[in-house]
Every structure is written in C-alpha cells, then in structure tokens.
C-alpha cells in the first residue's frame, strides 16, 4: 500500500492557509499545519482529524531559519509544500512608509518562503513527484498606491518562483504560483491596518462577493492535483467585481 502523501502548509492558523489545509486533507493528503499560533493550528488539526482525515500541528516561525531547518529533519519525502505565510502591514505611500514594516513584510513573505523552500526541497525532490506552491498576490504583478512595501515583497516572491522553476527544471518538482486578488478573510485587512476594523471594512465596502479563503483553497487544491506532467506556472484569481488592483466595481 502506498504511503499517504504529505502536504506542509505554512501560515495555516487562519484564512487561506487554514482553508487550504482542509481542502488538501479532504483530497487525501496528510497535512502538516505550521504557524506561530499553537492553539489555532492544534484546534484545526483536531477538527480535520475528527472529520476522518490526517493532520498534524507544528508551531513554526518561517523567519527563524534554525527552527525551519530542525522542522525539515522530520521529512525524508514530501509531496507538497504550500508557502502561504505572509501578509501586509500598513498602506502608507513610499515617501512616508515605515522601513520596519517593509522589512517585516520582506522577511515574512520572501525570506520565510526562501527558508522553508530551501529546507524542504531535498524531501520534495526525494518524493519523485513534489509540488511547491507559492501563494503570492496580484500585488506581485502590478503596483498600486499605498501598497509599495507589500507590492515589493510580493514581487520578490513572484521572482523567487520564476527563478526556482528555471533552476530546477528537469527535477521531479514543479513550482506553482497562485496570485489572488481581493480576498475577504477574517484577518488580512485587519492586520494590515493594525486592528482598525473600520478601515479594514472599507477595503471591501460595496464589493459584490469578494473571494473567500475557500475559493483560493479550491484553486490551490485543483492546481496541486493536476497530473504530474502538468505545471500551472501562474494562476491569477480575482472576484468578478475586480478587473485590476485599482479597478473594482462597488455598489452604493
């Protein structure tokens, strides 16, 4: 009997990460949930297990390279890595943006992705059929006012994915980038505006049906379960009401 394929999901404590964990578990993967918030991922692992699937929680900060390297020693073979950990801070213009915010976004979105990808690449290769998913954003593809730091970080992730794909072609590992547009989750905008729920709500005001975490997770699940020879290089997914980062139809 073949072993159950393992999928590691970073940033799995909420939003897209948690939804992706549920989706991949239902698709037959044993999911390993990583995030800094131990209580959240343990609760999610219990939920997934109670639903009849396989899940393990592992507390991890992807910006801590020593911790990432220790985590990686648990895997001889790995089917899927979903690089979801990241996020945005602030919406200030470049002229007045806080360099500390830019640094933190770069560390989490880019260096965190680099750390975990480098550490787990040998196990992904050893599987003979590995998949790396990098969850970027439409911010990785075009700029918008007030988004300089986040745009810069997501552009970094996009280039990381492109470059890695070039460098490992010929190995049994594919690199998939999923770039969502406007997604309404319980924390993304609130975190960006440091807990200001009024500002966070304005991001989605009047928008008919922004994407949900489950919509993006469904997209990731589809991309990961394509036949091994099929690589989805880049998949951009937006709500129907959003034509670009700066063109959104709002009612009222």
C-alpha atoms as a PDB file:
ATOM      1  CA  UNK A   1       0.000   0.000   0.000  1.00  0.00           C
ATOM      2  CA  UNK A   2       1.376   3.394  -0.994  1.00  0.00           C
ATOM      3  CA  UNK A   3       2.102   5.847   1.801  1.00  0.00           C
ATOM      4  CA  UNK A   4      -0.272   8.764   2.236  1.00  0.00           C
ATOM      5  CA  UNK A   5       1.255  11.842   0.549  1.00  0.00           C
ATOM      6  CA  UNK A   6       2.231  14.627   2.937  1.00  0.00           C
ATOM      7  CA  UNK A   7       1.475  18.320   2.400  1.00  0.00           C
ATOM      8  CA  UNK A   8       3.036  21.070   4.530  1.00  0.00           C
ATOM      9  CA  UNK A   9       1.070  24.319   4.742  1.00  0.00           C
ATOM     10  CA  UNK A  10       2.664  27.415   6.279  1.00  0.00           C
ATOM     11  CA  UNK A  11       0.560  30.145   7.852  1.00  0.00           C
ATOM     12  CA  UNK A  12      -2.164  27.564   8.469  1.00  0.00           C
ATOM     13  CA  UNK A  13      -3.668  29.175  11.554  1.00  0.00           C
ATOM     14  CA  UNK A  14      -6.364  31.133   9.698  1.00  0.00           C
ATOM     15  CA  UNK A  15      -7.678  32.349   6.357  1.00  0.00           C
ATOM     16  CA  UNK A  16      -6.329  30.837   3.155  1.00  0.00           C
ATOM     17  CA  UNK A  17      -3.843  28.624   4.986  1.00  0.00           C
ATOM     18  CA  UNK A  18      -6.491  27.000   7.157  1.00  0.00           C
ATOM     19  CA  UNK A  19      -8.869  26.595   4.218  1.00  0.00           C
ATOM     20  CA  UNK A  20      -6.101  25.012   2.142  1.00  0.00           C
ATOM     21  CA  UNK A  21      -5.336  22.565   4.938  1.00  0.00           C
ATOM     22  CA  UNK A  22      -8.983  21.448   4.988  1.00  0.00           C
ATOM     23  CA  UNK A  23      -9.067  21.164   1.186  1.00  0.00           C
ATOM     24  CA  UNK A  24      -5.882  19.111   0.864  1.00  0.00           C
ATOM     25  CA  UNK A  25      -6.829  16.879   3.791  1.00  0.00           C
ATOM     26  CA  UNK A  26     -10.148  16.119   2.097  1.00  0.00           C
ATOM     27  CA  UNK A  27      -8.203  15.369  -1.118  1.00  0.00           C
ATOM     28  CA  UNK A  28      -6.277  12.611   0.650  1.00  0.00           C
ATOM     29  CA  UNK A  29      -3.123  14.318   1.890  1.00  0.00           C
ATOM     30  CA  UNK A  30      -1.776  14.071   5.410  1.00  0.00           C
ATOM     31  CA  UNK A  31      -1.494  17.740   6.189  1.00  0.00           C
ATOM     32  CA  UNK A  32       1.154  19.262   8.420  1.00  0.00           C
ATOM     33  CA  UNK A  33      -0.036  22.630   9.696  1.00  0.00           C
ATOM     34  CA  UNK A  34       2.572  25.216  10.616  1.00  0.00           C
ATOM     35  CA  UNK A  35       2.123  28.685  12.102  1.00  0.00           C
ATOM     36  CA  UNK A  36       3.229  30.658  15.126  1.00  0.00           C
ATOM     37  CA  UNK A  37      -0.116  30.369  16.910  1.00  0.00           C
ATOM     38  CA  UNK A  38      -0.015  26.940  18.542  1.00  0.00           C
ATOM     39  CA  UNK A  39      -3.596  26.956  19.805  1.00  0.00           C
ATOM     40  CA  UNK A  40      -5.037  27.748  16.374  1.00  0.00           C
ATOM     41  CA  UNK A  41      -3.243  25.035  14.441  1.00  0.00           C
ATOM     42  CA  UNK A  42      -3.819  22.428  17.140  1.00  0.00           C
ATOM     43  CA  UNK A  43      -7.550  23.184  17.064  1.00  0.00           C
ATOM     44  CA  UNK A  44      -7.568  22.928  13.264  1.00  0.00           C
ATOM     45  CA  UNK A  45      -5.624  19.655  13.333  1.00  0.00           C
ATOM     46  CA  UNK A  46      -8.186  18.259  15.786  1.00  0.00           C
ATOM     47  CA  UNK A  47     -11.049  19.419  13.551  1.00  0.00           C
ATOM     48  CA  UNK A  48      -9.512  17.782  10.473  1.00  0.00           C
ATOM     49  CA  UNK A  49      -8.810  14.559  12.374  1.00  0.00           C
ATOM     50  CA  UNK A  50     -12.371  14.422  13.710  1.00  0.00           C
ATOM     51  CA  UNK A  51     -13.572  14.721  10.109  1.00  0.00           C
ATOM     52  CA  UNK A  52     -11.747  11.478   9.334  1.00  0.00           C
ATOM     53  CA  UNK A  53      -8.614  12.918   7.741  1.00  0.00           C
ATOM     54  CA  UNK A  54      -4.964  13.117   8.819  1.00  0.00           C
ATOM     55  CA  UNK A  55      -3.441  16.272  10.281  1.00  0.00           C
ATOM     56  CA  UNK A  56      -0.511  17.273  12.491  1.00  0.00           C
ATOM     57  CA  UNK A  57       0.215  20.688  14.018  1.00  0.00           C
ATOM     58  CA  UNK A  58       3.748  22.075  14.330  1.00  0.00           C
ATOM     59  CA  UNK A  59       4.433  25.509  15.800  1.00  0.00           C
ATOM     60  CA  UNK A  60       6.855  27.310  13.491  1.00  0.00           C
ATOM     61  CA  UNK A  61       8.024  30.800  12.591  1.00  0.00           C
ATOM     62  CA  UNK A  62       9.240  30.597   8.991  1.00  0.00           C
ATOM     63  CA  UNK A  63      11.577  33.555   9.523  1.00  0.00           C
ATOM     64  CA  UNK A  64      13.555  31.528  12.104  1.00  0.00           C
ATOM     65  CA  UNK A  65      15.967  29.584   9.907  1.00  0.00           C
ATOM     66  CA  UNK A  66      17.286  27.354  12.692  1.00  0.00           C
ATOM     67  CA  UNK A  67      13.746  26.330  13.625  1.00  0.00           C
ATOM     68  CA  UNK A  68      12.878  25.734   9.965  1.00  0.00           C
ATOM     69  CA  UNK A  69      15.939  23.519   9.479  1.00  0.00           C
ATOM     70  CA  UNK A  70      15.023  21.496  12.573  1.00  0.00           C
ATOM     71  CA  UNK A  71      11.448  21.101  11.303  1.00  0.00           C
ATOM     72  CA  UNK A  72      12.722  19.860   7.929  1.00  0.00           C
ATOM     73  CA  UNK A  73      14.607  16.963   9.506  1.00  0.00           C
ATOM     74  CA  UNK A  74      11.248  15.226  10.076  1.00  0.00           C
ATOM     75  CA  UNK A  75      10.773  14.648   6.331  1.00  0.00           C
ATOM     76  CA  UNK A  76      12.584  12.206   4.093  1.00  0.00           C
ATOM     77  CA  UNK A  77       9.921  12.576   1.429  1.00  0.00           C
ATOM     78  CA  UNK A  78       7.324  15.283   0.900  1.00  0.00           C
ATOM     79  CA  UNK A  79       4.640  15.637  -1.762  1.00  0.00           C
ATOM     80  CA  UNK A  80       3.522  19.257  -1.412  1.00  0.00           C
ATOM     81  CA  UNK A  81       4.699  22.489   0.192  1.00  0.00           C
ATOM     82  CA  UNK A  82       2.246  25.392   0.260  1.00  0.00           C
ATOM     83  CA  UNK A  83       4.040  28.661   1.034  1.00  0.00           C
ATOM     84  CA  UNK A  84       1.164  30.691   2.444  1.00  0.00           C
ATOM     85  CA  UNK A  85       2.736  32.508   5.411  1.00  0.00           C
ATOM     86  CA  UNK A  86       2.953  36.245   4.774  1.00  0.00           C
ATOM     87  CA  UNK A  87       0.816  39.341   4.949  1.00  0.00           C
ATOM     88  CA  UNK A  88       0.666  43.101   4.626  1.00  0.00           C
ATOM     89  CA  UNK A  89       1.395  45.937   7.044  1.00  0.00           C
ATOM     90  CA  UNK A  90       0.221  49.499   6.508  1.00  0.00           C
ATOM     91  CA  UNK A  91      -0.942  51.390   3.453  1.00  0.00           C
ATOM     92  CA  UNK A  92       1.376  54.386   3.546  1.00  0.00           C
ATOM     93  CA  UNK A  93       2.946  55.955   0.466  1.00  0.00           C
ATOM     94  CA  UNK A  94       6.581  55.240  -0.279  1.00  0.00           C
ATOM     95  CA  UNK A  95       7.568  58.735   0.901  1.00  0.00           C
ATOM     96  CA  UNK A  96       6.366  58.110   4.462  1.00  0.00           C
ATOM     97  CA  UNK A  97       6.259  54.319   4.788  1.00  0.00           C
ATOM     98  CA  UNK A  98       7.863  52.780   7.858  1.00  0.00           C
ATOM     99  CA  UNK A  99      11.042  50.885   6.904  1.00  0.00           C
ATOM    100  CA  UNK A 100      10.341  48.489   9.784  1.00  0.00           C
ATOM    101  CA  UNK A 101       7.052  47.500   8.126  1.00  0.00           C
ATOM    102  CA  UNK A 102       8.802  46.972   4.795  1.00  0.00           C
ATOM    103  CA  UNK A 103      11.471  44.850   6.484  1.00  0.00           C
ATOM    104  CA  UNK A 104       8.923  42.713   8.310  1.00  0.00           C
ATOM    105  CA  UNK A 105       6.893  42.133   5.137  1.00  0.00           C
ATOM    106  CA  UNK A 106      10.014  41.166   3.223  1.00  0.00           C
ATOM    107  CA  UNK A 107      11.183  38.833   5.981  1.00  0.00           C
ATOM    108  CA  UNK A 108       7.832  37.051   6.222  1.00  0.00           C
ATOM    109  CA  UNK A 109       6.789  36.924   2.571  1.00  0.00           C
ATOM    110  CA  UNK A 110      10.155  36.448   0.874  1.00  0.00           C
ATOM    111  CA  UNK A 111      12.767  35.210   3.346  1.00  0.00           C
ATOM    112  CA  UNK A 112      10.218  32.970   5.073  1.00  0.00           C
ATOM    113  CA  UNK A 113       9.321  31.402   1.735  1.00  0.00           C
ATOM    114  CA  UNK A 114      13.006  31.041   0.882  1.00  0.00           C
ATOM    115  CA  UNK A 115      13.799  29.412   4.238  1.00  0.00           C
ATOM    116  CA  UNK A 116      11.128  26.738   4.131  1.00  0.00           C
ATOM    117  CA  UNK A 117      11.557  26.059   0.411  1.00  0.00           C
ATOM    118  CA  UNK A 118      15.312  25.573   0.704  1.00  0.00           C
ATOM    119  CA  UNK A 119      14.932  23.374   3.769  1.00  0.00           C
ATOM    120  CA  UNK A 120      12.259  21.104   2.272  1.00  0.00           C
ATOM    121  CA  UNK A 121      13.449  20.975  -1.352  1.00  0.00           C
ATOM    122  CA  UNK A 122      15.515  17.778  -0.781  1.00  0.00           C
ATOM    123  CA  UNK A 123      12.451  15.967   0.612  1.00  0.00           C
ATOM    124  CA  UNK A 124      10.262  17.259  -2.211  1.00  0.00           C
ATOM    125  CA  UNK A 125      12.808  16.011  -4.741  1.00  0.00           C
ATOM    126  CA  UNK A 126      13.173  12.658  -2.972  1.00  0.00           C
ATOM    127  CA  UNK A 127       9.432  12.065  -3.321  1.00  0.00           C
ATOM    128  CA  UNK A 128       9.872  11.752  -7.083  1.00  0.00           C
ATOM    129  CA  UNK A 129       6.802  13.924  -7.578  1.00  0.00           C
ATOM    130  CA  UNK A 130       6.970  17.103  -5.496  1.00  0.00           C
ATOM    131  CA  UNK A 131       4.973  20.308  -5.780  1.00  0.00           C
ATOM    132  CA  UNK A 132       5.846  23.729  -4.400  1.00  0.00           C
ATOM    133  CA  UNK A 133       3.019  26.245  -4.233  1.00  0.00           C
ATOM    134  CA  UNK A 134       3.877  29.897  -3.687  1.00  0.00           C
ATOM    135  CA  UNK A 135       0.892  31.976  -2.735  1.00  0.00           C
ATOM    136  CA  UNK A 136       1.706  35.460  -3.969  1.00  0.00           C
ATOM    137  CA  UNK A 137      -0.880  38.084  -4.901  1.00  0.00           C
ATOM    138  CA  UNK A 138      -1.955  40.241  -7.798  1.00  0.00           C
ATOM    139  CA  UNK A 139       0.300  42.727  -5.976  1.00  0.00           C
ATOM    140  CA  UNK A 140       3.146  40.557  -7.282  1.00  0.00           C
ATOM    141  CA  UNK A 141       2.246  41.564 -10.818  1.00  0.00           C
ATOM    142  CA  UNK A 142       1.330  45.264 -10.674  1.00  0.00           C
ATOM    143  CA  UNK A 143       1.735  48.180  -8.282  1.00  0.00           C
ATOM    144  CA  UNK A 144      -0.907  50.295  -6.597  1.00  0.00           C
ATOM    145  CA  UNK A 145      -0.754  53.448  -4.498  1.00  0.00           C
ATOM    146  CA  UNK A 146      -0.262  52.865  -0.800  1.00  0.00           C
ATOM    147  CA  UNK A 147       0.958  49.328  -1.352  1.00  0.00           C
ATOM    148  CA  UNK A 148       4.656  49.861  -2.007  1.00  0.00           C
ATOM    149  CA  UNK A 149       6.067  47.652   0.729  1.00  0.00           C
ATOM    150  CA  UNK A 150       3.619  44.801   0.175  1.00  0.00           C
ATOM    151  CA  UNK A 151       3.945  45.067  -3.603  1.00  0.00           C
ATOM    152  CA  UNK A 152       7.739  44.931  -3.316  1.00  0.00           C
ATOM    153  CA  UNK A 153       7.595  41.845  -1.099  1.00  0.00           C
ATOM    154  CA  UNK A 154       5.113  40.021  -3.326  1.00  0.00           C
ATOM    155  CA  UNK A 155       7.150  40.902  -6.420  1.00  0.00           C
ATOM    156  CA  UNK A 156      10.056  39.252  -4.587  1.00  0.00           C
ATOM    157  CA  UNK A 157       8.005  36.082  -4.082  1.00  0.00           C
ATOM    158  CA  UNK A 158       6.952  36.097  -7.728  1.00  0.00           C
ATOM    159  CA  UNK A 159      10.554  36.327  -8.913  1.00  0.00           C
ATOM    160  CA  UNK A 160      11.584  33.638  -6.427  1.00  0.00           C
ATOM    161  CA  UNK A 161       9.005  31.300  -8.002  1.00  0.00           C
ATOM    162  CA  UNK A 162      10.057  32.143 -11.559  1.00  0.00           C
ATOM    163  CA  UNK A 163      13.746  31.711 -10.827  1.00  0.00           C
ATOM    164  CA  UNK A 164      13.327  28.471  -8.894  1.00  0.00           C
ATOM    165  CA  UNK A 165      11.293  26.983 -11.745  1.00  0.00           C
ATOM    166  CA  UNK A 166      14.129  27.759 -14.156  1.00  0.00           C
ATOM    167  CA  UNK A 167      16.779  26.369 -11.849  1.00  0.00           C
ATOM    168  CA  UNK A 168      15.138  23.031 -11.005  1.00  0.00           C
ATOM    169  CA  UNK A 169      13.675  22.173 -14.408  1.00  0.00           C
ATOM    170  CA  UNK A 170      14.423  18.532 -15.099  1.00  0.00           C
ATOM    171  CA  UNK A 171      13.894  17.517 -11.485  1.00  0.00           C
ATOM    172  CA  UNK A 172      10.641  15.877 -10.312  1.00  0.00           C
ATOM    173  CA  UNK A 173       9.420  19.065  -8.630  1.00  0.00           C
ATOM    174  CA  UNK A 174       7.012  21.594 -10.110  1.00  0.00           C
ATOM    175  CA  UNK A 175       6.595  25.195  -8.970  1.00  0.00           C
ATOM    176  CA  UNK A 176       3.098  26.667  -8.961  1.00  0.00           C
ATOM    177  CA  UNK A 177       2.307  30.291  -8.205  1.00  0.00           C
ATOM    178  CA  UNK A 178      -1.227  31.290  -7.228  1.00  0.00           C
ATOM    179  CA  UNK A 179      -1.878  35.041  -7.210  1.00  0.00           C
ATOM    180  CA  UNK A 180      -5.209  36.025  -5.633  1.00  0.00           C
ATOM    181  CA  UNK A 181      -6.808  39.421  -5.964  1.00  0.00           C
ATOM    182  CA  UNK A 182      -9.319  40.715  -3.421  1.00  0.00           C
ATOM    183  CA  UNK A 183      -9.937  38.038  -0.796  1.00  0.00           C
ATOM    184  CA  UNK A 184     -12.038  38.755   2.263  1.00  0.00           C
ATOM    185  CA  UNK A 185     -10.684  36.792   5.218  1.00  0.00           C
ATOM    186  CA  UNK A 186     -11.096  37.331   8.932  1.00  0.00           C
ATOM    187  CA  UNK A 187      -7.637  38.813   9.467  1.00  0.00           C
ATOM    188  CA  UNK A 188      -5.778  40.069   6.373  1.00  0.00           C
ATOM    189  CA  UNK A 189      -7.066  43.655   6.186  1.00  0.00           C
ATOM    190  CA  UNK A 190      -7.460  43.959   9.960  1.00  0.00           C
ATOM    191  CA  UNK A 191      -3.816  43.003  10.425  1.00  0.00           C
ATOM    192  CA  UNK A 192      -2.761  45.403   7.691  1.00  0.00           C
ATOM    193  CA  UNK A 193      -4.495  48.266   9.492  1.00  0.00           C
ATOM    194  CA  UNK A 194      -3.291  47.150  12.921  1.00  0.00           C
ATOM    195  CA  UNK A 195      -6.669  46.161  14.285  1.00  0.00           C
ATOM    196  CA  UNK A 196      -8.661  49.060  12.828  1.00  0.00           C
ATOM    197  CA  UNK A 197     -11.784  47.157  11.798  1.00  0.00           C
ATOM    198  CA  UNK A 198     -13.403  50.266  10.292  1.00  0.00           C
ATOM    199  CA  UNK A 199     -10.533  50.766   7.840  1.00  0.00           C
ATOM    200  CA  UNK A 200     -10.465  47.060   7.111  1.00  0.00           C
ATOM    201  CA  UNK A 201     -14.184  47.018   6.287  1.00  0.00           C
ATOM    202  CA  UNK A 202     -13.766  49.875   3.800  1.00  0.00           C
ATOM    203  CA  UNK A 203     -11.486  47.697   1.661  1.00  0.00           C
ATOM    204  CA  UNK A 204     -14.482  45.516   0.790  1.00  0.00           C
ATOM    205  CA  UNK A 205     -17.272  48.094   1.040  1.00  0.00           C
ATOM    206  CA  UNK A 206     -19.782  47.786  -1.791  1.00  0.00           C
ATOM    207  CA  UNK A 207     -17.955  44.908  -3.460  1.00  0.00           C
ATOM    208  CA  UNK A 208     -20.301  42.168  -4.559  1.00  0.00           C
ATOM    209  CA  UNK A 209     -18.814  38.852  -3.391  1.00  0.00           C
ATOM    210  CA  UNK A 210     -15.073  39.257  -2.832  1.00  0.00           C
ATOM    211  CA  UNK A 211     -13.184  35.976  -2.991  1.00  0.00           C
ATOM    212  CA  UNK A 212     -13.234  33.818   0.126  1.00  0.00           C
ATOM    213  CA  UNK A 213     -10.413  31.785   1.625  1.00  0.00           C
ATOM    214  CA  UNK A 214     -12.247  28.691   0.425  1.00  0.00           C
ATOM    215  CA  UNK A 215     -12.257  29.982  -3.164  1.00  0.00           C
ATOM    216  CA  UNK A 216      -8.471  30.297  -3.123  1.00  0.00           C
ATOM    217  CA  UNK A 217      -8.033  26.964  -1.351  1.00  0.00           C
ATOM    218  CA  UNK A 218     -10.157  25.306  -4.032  1.00  0.00           C
ATOM    219  CA  UNK A 219      -7.875  26.816  -6.683  1.00  0.00           C
ATOM    220  CA  UNK A 220      -4.763  25.555  -4.874  1.00  0.00           C
ATOM    221  CA  UNK A 221      -6.297  22.105  -4.488  1.00  0.00           C
ATOM    222  CA  UNK A 222      -7.081  21.959  -8.193  1.00  0.00           C
ATOM    223  CA  UNK A 223      -3.572  23.047  -9.220  1.00  0.00           C
ATOM    224  CA  UNK A 224      -1.861  20.585  -6.867  1.00  0.00           C
ATOM    225  CA  UNK A 225      -3.930  17.617  -8.044  1.00  0.00           C
ATOM    226  CA  UNK A 226      -3.289  18.034 -11.780  1.00  0.00           C
ATOM    227  CA  UNK A 227      -1.374  15.156 -13.401  1.00  0.00           C
ATOM    228  CA  UNK A 228       2.330  15.253 -12.550  1.00  0.00           C
ATOM    229  CA  UNK A 229       3.395  16.449 -16.002  1.00  0.00           C
ATOM    230  CA  UNK A 230       1.062  19.482 -15.811  1.00  0.00           C
ATOM    231  CA  UNK A 231       2.552  22.610 -14.231  1.00  0.00           C
ATOM    232  CA  UNK A 232       0.352  25.624 -13.533  1.00  0.00           C
ATOM    233  CA  UNK A 233       3.089  28.252 -13.702  1.00  0.00           C
ATOM    234  CA  UNK A 234       0.883  31.173 -12.642  1.00  0.00           C
ATOM    235  CA  UNK A 235      -2.788  31.292 -11.826  1.00  0.00           C
ATOM    236  CA  UNK A 236      -4.388  34.697 -11.196  1.00  0.00           C
ATOM    237  CA  UNK A 237      -7.756  34.558  -9.468  1.00  0.00           C
ATOM    238  CA  UNK A 238      -9.943  37.581  -8.734  1.00  0.00           C
ATOM    239  CA  UNK A 239     -13.589  38.186  -7.888  1.00  0.00           C
ATOM    240  CA  UNK A 240     -15.748  39.111 -10.857  1.00  0.00           C
ATOM    241  CA  UNK A 241     -16.117  42.627  -9.433  1.00  0.00           C
ATOM    242  CA  UNK A 242     -12.365  43.267  -9.644  1.00  0.00           C
ATOM    243  CA  UNK A 243     -10.757  43.952 -13.017  1.00  0.00           C
ATOM    244  CA  UNK A 244      -7.371  45.032 -11.649  1.00  0.00           C
ATOM    245  CA  UNK A 245      -5.728  46.114  -8.412  1.00  0.00           C
ATOM    246  CA  UNK A 246      -7.140  49.591  -8.924  1.00  0.00           C
ATOM    247  CA  UNK A 247     -10.369  48.878 -10.803  1.00  0.00           C
ATOM    248  CA  UNK A 248     -13.092  47.471  -8.570  1.00  0.00           C
ATOM    249  CA  UNK A 249     -16.835  47.742  -9.098  1.00  0.00           C
ATOM    250  CA  UNK A 250     -18.620  48.917  -5.967  1.00  0.00           C
ATOM    251  CA  UNK A 251     -22.336  49.374  -5.437  1.00  0.00           C
ATOM    252  CA  UNK A 252     -23.859  52.146  -3.379  1.00  0.00           C
END
